[in-house]
PDB file of N, CA and C in Angstrom:
ATOM      1  N   MET A   1      -3.348   6.845  -7.930  1.00  0.00           N
ATOM      2  CA  MET A   1      -2.864   6.779  -6.661  1.00  0.00           C
ATOM      3  C   MET A   1      -1.391   7.487  -6.890  1.00  0.00           C
ATOM      4  N   ASN A   2      -1.415   8.463  -6.189  1.00  0.00           N
ATOM      5  CA  ASN A   2       0.004   8.880  -6.273  1.00  0.00           C
ATOM      6  C   ASN A   2       1.311   8.337  -5.568  1.00  0.00           C
ATOM      7  N   ALA A   3       2.105   8.227  -5.814  1.00  0.00           N
ATOM      8  CA  ALA A   3       3.349   7.623  -4.677  1.00  0.00           C
ATOM      9  C   ALA A   3       3.478   7.791  -3.301  1.00  0.00           C
ATOM     10  N   PRO A   4       3.177   8.749  -3.049  1.00  0.00           N
ATOM     11  CA  PRO A   4       3.446   9.267  -1.664  1.00  0.00           C
ATOM     12  C   PRO A   4       1.965   8.787  -1.139  1.00  0.00           C
ATOM     13  N   GLN A   5       0.781   8.775  -1.193  1.00  0.00           N
ATOM     14  CA  GLN A   5      -0.246   7.937  -1.017  1.00  0.00           C
ATOM     15  C   GLN A   5       0.090   6.428  -0.841  1.00  0.00           C
ATOM     16  N   SER A   6       0.294   5.907  -2.204  1.00  0.00           N
ATOM     17  CA  SER A   6       0.635   4.637  -1.767  1.00  0.00           C
ATOM     18  C   SER A   6       1.261   3.922  -0.971  1.00  0.00           C
ATOM     19  N   GLU A   7       2.332   4.895  -1.008  1.00  0.00           N
ATOM     20  CA  GLU A   7       3.346   4.142   0.133  1.00  0.00           C
ATOM     21  C   GLU A   7       2.834   4.457   1.016  1.00  0.00           C
ATOM     22  N   ARG A   8       2.127   5.356   1.843  1.00  0.00           N
ATOM     23  CA  ARG A   8       1.537   5.415   3.332  1.00  0.00           C
ATOM     24  C   ARG A   8       0.632   4.222   3.340  1.00  0.00           C
ATOM     25  N   ASN A   9      -0.473   3.737   2.108  1.00  0.00           N
ATOM     26  CA  ASN A   9      -1.159   2.782   2.236  1.00  0.00           C
ATOM     27  C   ASN A   9      -0.542   1.776   2.481  1.00  0.00           C
ATOM     28  N   LEU A  10       0.617   1.299   1.900  1.00  0.00           N
ATOM     29  CA  LEU A  10       1.334  -0.065   2.032  1.00  0.00           C
ATOM     30  C   LEU A  10       2.112  -0.068   3.520  1.00  0.00           C
ATOM     31  N   GLY A  11       2.599   0.970   3.891  1.00  0.00           N
ATOM     32  CA  GLY A  11       3.111   1.240   5.281  1.00  0.00           C
ATOM     33  C   GLY A  11       2.107   0.975   6.454  1.00  0.00           C
ATOM     34  N   LEU A  12       0.618   1.084   5.919  1.00  0.00           N
ATOM     35  CA  LEU A  12      -0.603   0.981   7.253  1.00  0.00           C
ATOM     36  C   LEU A  12      -1.022  -0.728   6.957  1.00  0.00           C
ATOM     37  N   LEU A  13      -0.833  -1.339   5.598  1.00  0.00           N
ATOM     38  CA  LEU A  13      -1.328  -2.753   5.206  1.00  0.00           C
ATOM     39  C   LEU A  13      -0.357  -3.261   6.109  1.00  0.00           C
ATOM     40  N   VAL A  14       1.197  -2.928   6.260  1.00  0.00           N
ATOM     41  CA  VAL A  14       2.308  -3.908   6.526  1.00  0.00           C
ATOM     42  C   VAL A  14       2.050  -3.841   8.289  1.00  0.00           C
ATOM     43  N   GLU A  15       1.737  -2.804   8.909  1.00  0.00           N
ATOM     44  CA  GLU A  15       1.088  -2.867  10.461  1.00  0.00           C
ATOM     45  C   GLU A  15       0.050  -3.608  10.853  1.00  0.00           C
ATOM     46  N   LEU A  16      -1.111  -3.464   9.630  1.00  0.00           N
ATOM     47  CA  LEU A  16      -1.970  -4.593   9.958  1.00  0.00           C
ATOM     48  C   LEU A  16      -1.401  -6.033   9.401  1.00  0.00           C
ATOM     49  N   CYS A  17      -0.572  -6.132   8.569  1.00  0.00           N
ATOM     50  CA  CYS A  17      -0.239  -7.740   8.764  1.00  0.00           C
ATOM     51  C   CYS A  17       0.232  -8.141   9.949  1.00  0.00           C
ATOM     52  N   ARG A  18       1.142  -7.487  10.500  1.00  0.00           N
ATOM     53  CA  ARG A  18       2.287  -7.654  12.064  1.00  0.00           C
ATOM     54  C   ARG A  18       1.239  -8.105  12.717  1.00  0.00           C
ATOM     55  N   GLU A  19      -0.255  -7.352  12.836  1.00  0.00           N
ATOM     56  CA  GLU A  19      -1.096  -7.470  13.883  1.00  0.00           C
ATOM     57  C   GLU A  19      -1.517  -8.672  13.756  1.00  0.00           C
ATOM     58  N   LEU A  20      -2.370  -8.864  12.456  1.00  0.00           N
ATOM     59  CA  LEU A  20      -2.911 -10.282  11.884  1.00  0.00           C
ATOM     60  C   LEU A  20      -2.142 -11.723  12.147  1.00  0.00           C
ATOM     61  N   ALA A  21      -1.048 -11.485  11.852  1.00  0.00           N
ATOM     62  CA  ALA A  21       0.009 -12.753  11.646  1.00  0.00           C
ATOM     63  C   ALA A  21       0.142 -12.824  13.451  1.00  0.00           C
ATOM     64  N   LYS A  22       0.016 -11.849  14.376  1.00  0.00           N
ATOM     65  CA  LYS A  22       0.017 -12.175  15.906  1.00  0.00           C
ATOM     66  C   LYS A  22      -0.638 -13.150  15.948  1.00  0.00           C
ATOM     67  N   LEU A  23      -2.153 -12.898  15.525  1.00  0.00           N
ATOM     68  CA  LEU A  23      -3.531 -13.540  15.510  1.00  0.00           C
ATOM     69  C   LEU A  23      -3.742 -14.975  15.222  1.00  0.00           C
ATOM     70  N   GLY A  24      -2.474 -15.178  14.381  1.00  0.00           N
ATOM     71  CA  GLY A  24      -2.696 -16.320  13.461  1.00  0.00           C
ATOM     72  C   GLY A  24      -3.304 -16.415  12.234  1.00  0.00           C
ATOM     73  N   VAL A  25      -3.601 -15.184  11.935  1.00  0.00           N
ATOM     74  CA  VAL A  25      -4.225 -15.107  10.584  1.00  0.00           C
ATOM     75  C   VAL A  25      -3.466 -15.149   9.246  1.00  0.00           C
ATOM     76  N   LYS A  26      -3.384 -15.930   8.174  1.00  0.00           N
ATOM     77  CA  LYS A  26      -2.409 -16.626   7.362  1.00  0.00           C
ATOM     78  C   LYS A  26      -2.775 -15.520   6.305  1.00  0.00           C
ATOM     79  N   VAL A  27      -1.763 -14.267   6.314  1.00  0.00           N
ATOM     80  CA  VAL A  27      -1.932 -12.807   5.330  1.00  0.00           C
ATOM     81  C   VAL A  27      -0.942 -13.298   4.014  1.00  0.00           C
ATOM     82  N   GLY A  28      -1.519 -12.585   3.367  1.00  0.00           N
ATOM     83  CA  GLY A  28      -0.517 -12.413   2.051  1.00  0.00           C
ATOM     84  C   GLY A  28      -0.412 -10.882   1.588  1.00  0.00           C
ATOM     85  N   LEU A  29       0.491 -10.519   0.990  1.00  0.00           N
ATOM     86  CA  LEU A  29       0.434  -9.016   0.120  1.00  0.00           C
ATOM     87  C   LEU A  29       0.643  -9.058  -0.921  1.00  0.00           C
ATOM     88  N   SER A  30      -0.043  -8.021  -1.597  1.00  0.00           N
ATOM     89  CA  SER A  30      -1.003  -8.432  -3.245  1.00  0.00           C
ATOM     90  C   SER A  30       0.909  -7.359  -3.523  1.00  0.00           C
ATOM     91  N   ASP A  31       1.447  -8.022  -4.667  1.00  0.00           N
ATOM     92  CA  ASP A  31       2.516  -7.401  -5.585  1.00  0.00           C
ATOM     93  C   ASP A  31       1.943  -6.373  -6.839  1.00  0.00           C
ATOM     94  N   ALA A  32       0.933  -6.101  -7.117  1.00  0.00           N
ATOM     95  CA  ALA A  32      -0.169  -5.874  -7.996  1.00  0.00           C
ATOM     96  C   ALA A  32      -0.787  -4.506  -7.337  1.00  0.00           C
ATOM     97  N   ARG A  33      -1.271  -4.217  -5.830  1.00  0.00           N
ATOM     98  CA  ARG A  33      -1.474  -3.173  -5.750  1.00  0.00           C
ATOM     99  C   ARG A  33      -1.456  -2.960  -4.122  1.00  0.00           C
ATOM    100  N   PRO A  34      -1.432  -2.296  -3.355  1.00  0.00           N
ATOM    101  CA  PRO A  34      -1.270  -2.110  -1.716  1.00  0.00           C
ATOM    102  C   PRO A  34      -2.834  -2.510  -1.204  1.00  0.00           C
ATOM    103  N   ALA A  35      -2.557  -4.049  -1.051  1.00  0.00           N
ATOM    104  CA  ALA A  35      -3.710  -4.630  -0.406  1.00  0.00           C
ATOM    105  C   ALA A  35      -3.172  -6.233   0.360  1.00  0.00           C
ATOM    106  N   LEU A  36      -3.785  -6.239   1.255  1.00  0.00           N
ATOM    107  CA  LEU A  36      -3.617  -7.988   1.711  1.00  0.00           C
ATOM    108  C   LEU A  36      -4.774  -8.695   1.224  1.00  0.00           C
ATOM    109  N   SER A  37      -4.251  -9.836   1.638  1.00  0.00           N
ATOM    110  CA  SER A  37      -5.214 -11.053   1.543  1.00  0.00           C
ATOM    111  C   SER A  37      -5.369 -11.915   2.854  1.00  0.00           C
ATOM    112  N   VAL A  38      -6.195 -11.924   3.012  1.00  0.00           N
ATOM    113  CA  VAL A  38      -6.074 -13.069   4.606  1.00  0.00           C
ATOM    114  C   VAL A  38      -7.674 -14.247   4.345  1.00  0.00           C
ATOM    115  N   ARG A  39      -6.899 -15.345   5.029  1.00  0.00           N
ATOM    116  CA  ARG A  39      -7.883 -16.077   5.381  1.00  0.00           C
ATOM    117  C   ARG A  39      -7.392 -17.377   6.245  1.00  0.00           C
ATOM    118  N   GLY A  40      -8.396 -17.891   6.709  1.00  0.00           N
ATOM    119  CA  GLY A  40      -8.178 -18.657   8.273  1.00  0.00           C
ATOM    120  C   GLY A  40      -7.503 -19.820   7.937  1.00  0.00           C
ATOM    121  N   GLY A  41      -7.707 -20.719   6.972  1.00  0.00           N
ATOM    122  CA  GLY A  41      -6.848 -21.732   6.731  1.00  0.00           C
ATOM    123  C   GLY A  41      -6.383 -21.734   4.930  1.00  0.00           C
ATOM    124  N   LEU A  42      -5.645 -22.464   4.654  1.00  0.00           N
ATOM    125  CA  LEU A  42      -5.146 -22.843   3.168  1.00  0.00           C
ATOM    126  C   LEU A  42      -6.277 -22.969   2.353  1.00  0.00           C
ATOM    127  N   VAL A  43      -6.982 -23.339   2.290  1.00  0.00           N
ATOM    128  CA  VAL A  43      -8.391 -23.776   1.550  1.00  0.00           C
ATOM    129  C   VAL A  43      -9.419 -23.055   1.737  1.00  0.00           C
ATOM    130  N   ASP A  44      -9.258 -21.885   2.599  1.00  0.00           N
ATOM    131  CA  ASP A  44     -10.336 -21.252   2.682  1.00  0.00           C
ATOM    132  C   ASP A  44     -10.340 -19.836   1.834  1.00  0.00           C
ATOM    133  N   ARG A  45     -11.681 -19.222   1.212  1.00  0.00           N
ATOM    134  CA  ARG A  45     -11.315 -18.570   0.317  1.00  0.00           C
ATOM    135  C   ARG A  45     -11.067 -16.916   1.087  1.00  0.00           C
ATOM    136  N   LYS A  46     -10.123 -16.076   0.051  1.00  0.00           N
ATOM    137  CA  LYS A  46      -9.318 -15.292   0.344  1.00  0.00           C
ATOM    138  C   LYS A  46     -10.568 -14.067   0.566  1.00  0.00           C
ATOM    139  N   THR A  47     -10.080 -13.139   1.763  1.00  0.00           N
ATOM    140  CA  THR A  47     -11.020 -11.711   1.913  1.00  0.00           C
ATOM    141  C   THR A  47      -9.669 -10.535   1.390  1.00  0.00           C
ATOM    142  N   TRP A  48      -9.889  -9.863   0.639  1.00  0.00           N
ATOM    143  CA  TRP A  48      -8.658  -8.715   0.113  1.00  0.00           C
ATOM    144  C   TRP A  48      -9.384  -7.552   1.247  1.00  0.00           C
ATOM    145  N   ILE A  49      -8.094  -7.022   1.887  1.00  0.00           N
ATOM    146  CA  ILE A  49      -8.189  -5.851   2.640  1.00  0.00           C
ATOM    147  C   ILE A  49      -7.363  -4.821   1.770  1.00  0.00           C
ATOM    148  N   GLU A  50      -7.925  -3.682   2.221  1.00  0.00           N
ATOM    149  CA  GLU A  50      -7.608  -2.481   1.037  1.00  0.00           C
ATOM    150  C   GLU A  50      -7.861  -1.084   2.279  1.00  0.00           C
ATOM    151  N   VAL A  51      -6.830   0.014   2.301  1.00  0.00           N
ATOM    152  CA  VAL A  51      -7.198   1.217   2.777  1.00  0.00           C
ATOM    153  C   VAL A  51      -8.048   1.667   1.506  1.00  0.00           C
ATOM    154  N   ASP A  52      -9.144   2.791   2.236  1.00  0.00           N
ATOM    155  CA  ASP A  52     -10.093   3.217   1.586  1.00  0.00           C
ATOM    156  C   ASP A  52      -9.328   4.509   0.973  1.00  0.00           C
ATOM    157  N   PRO A  53     -10.502   4.838   0.041  1.00  0.00           N
ATOM    158  CA  PRO A  53      -9.664   6.228  -0.715  1.00  0.00           C
ATOM    159  C   PRO A  53      -9.372   7.264   0.431  1.00  0.00           C
ATOM    160  N   SER A  54     -10.395   7.544   1.062  1.00  0.00           N
ATOM    161  CA  SER A  54      -9.969   8.282   2.429  1.00  0.00           C
ATOM    162  C   SER A  54      -8.647   8.485   3.003  1.00  0.00           C
ATOM    163  N   GLY A  55      -8.198   7.140   2.562  1.00  0.00           N
ATOM    164  CA  GLY A  55      -6.535   6.884   3.685  1.00  0.00           C
ATOM    165  C   GLY A  55      -7.391   6.984   5.415  1.00  0.00           C
ATOM    166  N   GLU A  56      -8.289   6.836   5.597  1.00  0.00           N
ATOM    167  CA  GLU A  56      -9.123   6.531   7.239  1.00  0.00           C
ATOM    168  C   GLU A  56      -9.305   4.989   7.314  1.00  0.00           C
ATOM    169  N   SER A  57     -10.120   4.465   6.624  1.00  0.00           N
ATOM    170  CA  SER A  57     -10.360   2.960   6.954  1.00  0.00           C
ATOM    171  C   SER A  57      -9.828   2.046   6.356  1.00  0.00           C
ATOM    172  N   PHE A  58      -9.048   0.823   7.085  1.00  0.00           N
ATOM    173  CA  PHE A  58      -9.371  -0.436   6.646  1.00  0.00           C
ATOM    174  C   PHE A  58     -10.213  -1.249   6.023  1.00  0.00           C
ATOM    175  N   VAL A  59     -10.704  -1.320   5.029  1.00  0.00           N
ATOM    176  CA  VAL A  59     -11.460  -1.963   4.678  1.00  0.00           C
ATOM    177  C   VAL A  59     -11.866  -3.445   3.751  1.00  0.00           C
ATOM    178  N   TRP A  60     -12.524  -4.370   4.172  1.00  0.00           N
ATOM    179  CA  TRP A  60     -12.572  -5.634   3.764  1.00  0.00           C
ATOM    180  C   TRP A  60     -14.148  -6.501   3.349  1.00  0.00           C
ATOM    181  N   ARG A  61     -14.768  -5.926   3.058  1.00  0.00           N
ATOM    182  CA  ARG A  61     -15.953  -6.159   3.146  1.00  0.00           C
ATOM    183  C   ARG A  61     -16.969  -5.253   2.374  1.00  0.00           C
ATOM    184  N   ARG A  62     -16.969  -5.467   0.753  1.00  0.00           N
ATOM    185  CA  ARG A  62     -17.801  -4.720  -0.040  1.00  0.00           C
ATOM    186  C   ARG A  62     -18.984  -4.516   0.125  1.00  0.00           C
ATOM    187  N   ASP A  63     -19.697  -5.593   0.485  1.00  0.00           N
ATOM    188  CA  ASP A  63     -20.859  -5.645   0.621  1.00  0.00           C
ATOM    189  C   ASP A  63     -21.444  -4.625   1.613  1.00  0.00           C
ATOM    190  N   ASP A  64     -21.022  -4.691   2.606  1.00  0.00           N
ATOM    191  CA  ASP A  64     -21.759  -3.731   4.059  1.00  0.00           C
ATOM    192  C   ASP A  64     -20.697  -3.011   4.585  1.00  0.00           C
ATOM    193  N   ARG A  65     -19.420  -3.002   3.893  1.00  0.00           N
ATOM    194  CA  ARG A  65     -18.525  -1.975   4.236  1.00  0.00           C
ATOM    195  C   ARG A  65     -17.841  -2.092   5.606  1.00  0.00           C
ATOM    196  N   ALA A  66     -17.480  -3.469   6.076  1.00  0.00           N
ATOM    197  CA  ALA A  66     -16.936  -3.231   6.855  1.00  0.00           C
ATOM    198  C   ALA A  66     -15.596  -2.995   6.883  1.00  0.00           C
ATOM    199  N   CYS A  67     -15.384  -2.034   7.975  1.00  0.00           N
ATOM    200  CA  CYS A  67     -14.098  -1.214   8.149  1.00  0.00           C
ATOM    201  C   CYS A  67     -13.709  -0.558   9.467  1.00  0.00           C
ATOM    202  N   HIS A  68     -12.677  -0.149   9.658  1.00  0.00           N
ATOM    203  CA  HIS A  68     -11.762  -0.234  10.910  1.00  0.00           C
ATOM    204  C   HIS A  68     -10.526   0.924  10.432  1.00  0.00           C
ATOM    205  N   SER A  69     -10.808   1.922  11.327  1.00  0.00           N
ATOM    206  CA  SER A  69      -9.751   2.933  11.482  1.00  0.00           C
ATOM    207  C   SER A  69      -8.346   2.679  11.355  1.00  0.00           C
ATOM    208  N   VAL A  70      -7.711   3.157  10.287  1.00  0.00           N
ATOM    209  CA  VAL A  70      -6.373   2.797   9.962  1.00  0.00           C
ATOM    210  C   VAL A  70      -5.296   3.438  11.831  1.00  0.00           C
ATOM    211  N   ASP A  71      -5.579   4.160  12.679  1.00  0.00           N
ATOM    212  CA  ASP A  71      -5.094   4.297  13.153  1.00  0.00           C
ATOM    213  C   ASP A  71      -5.071   3.316  14.451  1.00  0.00           C
ATOM    214  N   ASP A  72      -5.454   2.197  13.879  1.00  0.00           N
ATOM    215  CA  ASP A  72      -5.747   1.204  15.241  1.00  0.00           C
ATOM    216  C   ASP A  72      -5.781  -0.043  14.785  1.00  0.00           C
ATOM    217  N   PRO A  73      -4.853  -0.479  14.046  1.00  0.00           N
ATOM    218  CA  PRO A  73      -4.285  -1.764  13.247  1.00  0.00           C
ATOM    219  C   PRO A  73      -4.363  -2.962  14.200  1.00  0.00           C
ATOM    220  N   ALA A  74      -4.068  -2.954  15.284  1.00  0.00           N
ATOM    221  CA  ALA A  74      -4.586  -4.047  16.424  1.00  0.00           C
ATOM    222  C   ALA A  74      -6.056  -4.379  16.414  1.00  0.00           C
ATOM    223  N   GLY A  75      -7.051  -3.330  17.046  1.00  0.00           N
ATOM    224  CA  GLY A  75      -8.587  -3.371  17.048  1.00  0.00           C
ATOM    225  C   GLY A  75      -8.785  -3.887  15.356  1.00  0.00           C
ATOM    226  N   ALA A  76      -8.168  -3.687  14.207  1.00  0.00           N
ATOM    227  CA  ALA A  76      -8.540  -3.999  12.777  1.00  0.00           C
ATOM    228  C   ALA A  76      -8.695  -5.404  12.715  1.00  0.00           C
ATOM    229  N   ALA A  77      -7.392  -5.857  13.145  1.00  0.00           N
ATOM    230  CA  ALA A  77      -6.944  -6.979  13.322  1.00  0.00           C
ATOM    231  C   ALA A  77      -8.067  -7.921  14.057  1.00  0.00           C
ATOM    232  N   ARG A  78      -8.169  -7.786  15.083  1.00  0.00           N
ATOM    233  CA  ARG A  78      -9.341  -8.355  15.523  1.00  0.00           C
ATOM    234  C   ARG A  78     -10.587  -8.506  15.057  1.00  0.00           C
ATOM    235  N   ALA A  79     -10.958  -7.294  14.704  1.00  0.00           N
ATOM    236  CA  ALA A  79     -12.215  -7.258  13.772  1.00  0.00           C
ATOM    237  C   ALA A  79     -12.339  -8.141  12.505  1.00  0.00           C
ATOM    238  N   ILE A  80     -11.103  -8.107  12.138  1.00  0.00           N
ATOM    239  CA  ILE A  80     -11.307  -9.302  10.394  1.00  0.00           C
ATOM    240  C   ILE A  80     -10.620 -10.639  11.239  1.00  0.00           C
ATOM    241  N   ALA A  81     -10.123 -11.025  12.371  1.00  0.00           N
ATOM    242  CA  ALA A  81     -10.164 -12.234  12.644  1.00  0.00           C
ATOM    243  C   ALA A  81     -11.554 -12.808  13.069  1.00  0.00           C
ATOM    244  N   GLU A  82     -12.168 -11.645  13.591  1.00  0.00           N
ATOM    245  CA  GLU A  82     -13.674 -12.485  14.163  1.00  0.00           C
ATOM    246  C   GLU A  82     -14.240 -12.464  13.113  1.00  0.00           C
ATOM    247  N   TYR A  83     -14.262 -11.777  11.840  1.00  0.00           N
ATOM    248  CA  TYR A  83     -14.961 -11.858  10.456  1.00  0.00           C
ATOM    249  C   TYR A  83     -14.538 -13.118  10.072  1.00  0.00           C
ATOM    250  N   LEU A  84     -13.347 -13.700  10.233  1.00  0.00           N
ATOM    251  CA  LEU A  84     -13.183 -14.804   9.839  1.00  0.00           C
ATOM    252  C   LEU A  84     -13.301 -16.340  10.581  1.00  0.00           C
ATOM    253  N   GLU A  85     -13.626 -15.755  11.936  1.00  0.00           N
ATOM    254  CA  GLU A  85     -14.201 -16.806  12.413  1.00  0.00           C
ATOM    255  C   GLU A  85     -15.893 -17.243  12.040  1.00  0.00           C
ATOM    256  N   ALA A  86     -16.274 -15.875  12.528  1.00  0.00           N
ATOM    257  CA  ALA A  86     -18.038 -16.261  11.808  1.00  0.00           C
ATOM    258  C   ALA A  86     -18.064 -16.877  10.688  1.00  0.00           C
ATOM    259  N   ARG A  87     -17.223 -16.192   9.351  1.00  0.00           N
ATOM    260  CA  ARG A  87     -17.568 -17.131   8.522  1.00  0.00           C
ATOM    261  C   ARG A  87     -17.213 -18.531   8.299  1.00  0.00           C
ATOM    262  N   GLY A  88     -16.817 -19.016   9.437  1.00  0.00           N
ATOM    263  CA  GLY A  88     -16.116 -20.093   9.674  1.00  0.00           C
ATOM    264  C   GLY A  88     -14.909 -20.511   8.999  1.00  0.00           C
ATOM    265  N   ALA A  89     -14.205 -19.706   9.326  1.00  0.00           N
ATOM    266  CA  ALA A  89     -12.594 -20.387   8.607  1.00  0.00           C
ATOM    267  C   ALA A  89     -11.655 -19.468   9.973  1.00  0.00           C
ATOM    268  N   GLY A  90     -11.858 -20.523  11.180  1.00  0.00           N
ATOM    269  CA  GLY A  90     -11.132 -19.622  12.380  1.00  0.00           C
ATOM    270  C   GLY A  90      -9.601 -19.249  11.753  1.00  0.00           C
ATOM    271  N   PRO A  91      -8.793 -18.032  12.245  1.00  0.00           N
ATOM    272  CA  PRO A  91      -7.237 -18.266  12.131  1.00  0.00           C
ATOM    273  C   PRO A  91      -6.556 -19.543  12.683  1.00  0.00           C
ATOM    274  N   GLY A  92      -5.813 -19.612  11.688  1.00  0.00           N
ATOM    275  CA  GLY A  92      -4.634 -20.825  11.760  1.00  0.00           C
ATOM    276  C   GLY A  92      -5.232 -21.986  12.909  1.00  0.00           C
ATOM    277  N   GLU A  93      -6.059 -22.332  12.690  1.00  0.00           N
ATOM    278  CA  GLU A  93      -6.642 -23.782  13.314  1.00  0.00           C
ATOM    279  C   GLU A  93      -6.741 -24.660  12.107  1.00  0.00           C
ATOM    280  N   ARG A  94      -6.498 -24.773  10.954  1.00  0.00           N
ATOM    281  CA  ARG A  94      -7.200 -25.639   9.871  1.00  0.00           C
ATOM    282  C   ARG A  94      -5.872 -26.486   9.588  1.00  0.00           C
TER     283      ARG A  94
END
């Protein structure tokens, strides 16, 4: 990935990180690649979030390709929080 694209993706992920934090989701930023890790509680397994290669969507589930437009970080954060809750790891409640 070239530097401008990597920097753009990092900026998008930082916006998403802010929105997730507002919802009480525990968020970590990877230092090795532009990606976030999220989990509902400290002992819950991590879910990794990246910007897809097209640069148009946040992606967090590879199996069924759950994604949301990068133009709506607040909506993506809500969708991710709902995913964590459905998985049994409610945001900020543990």
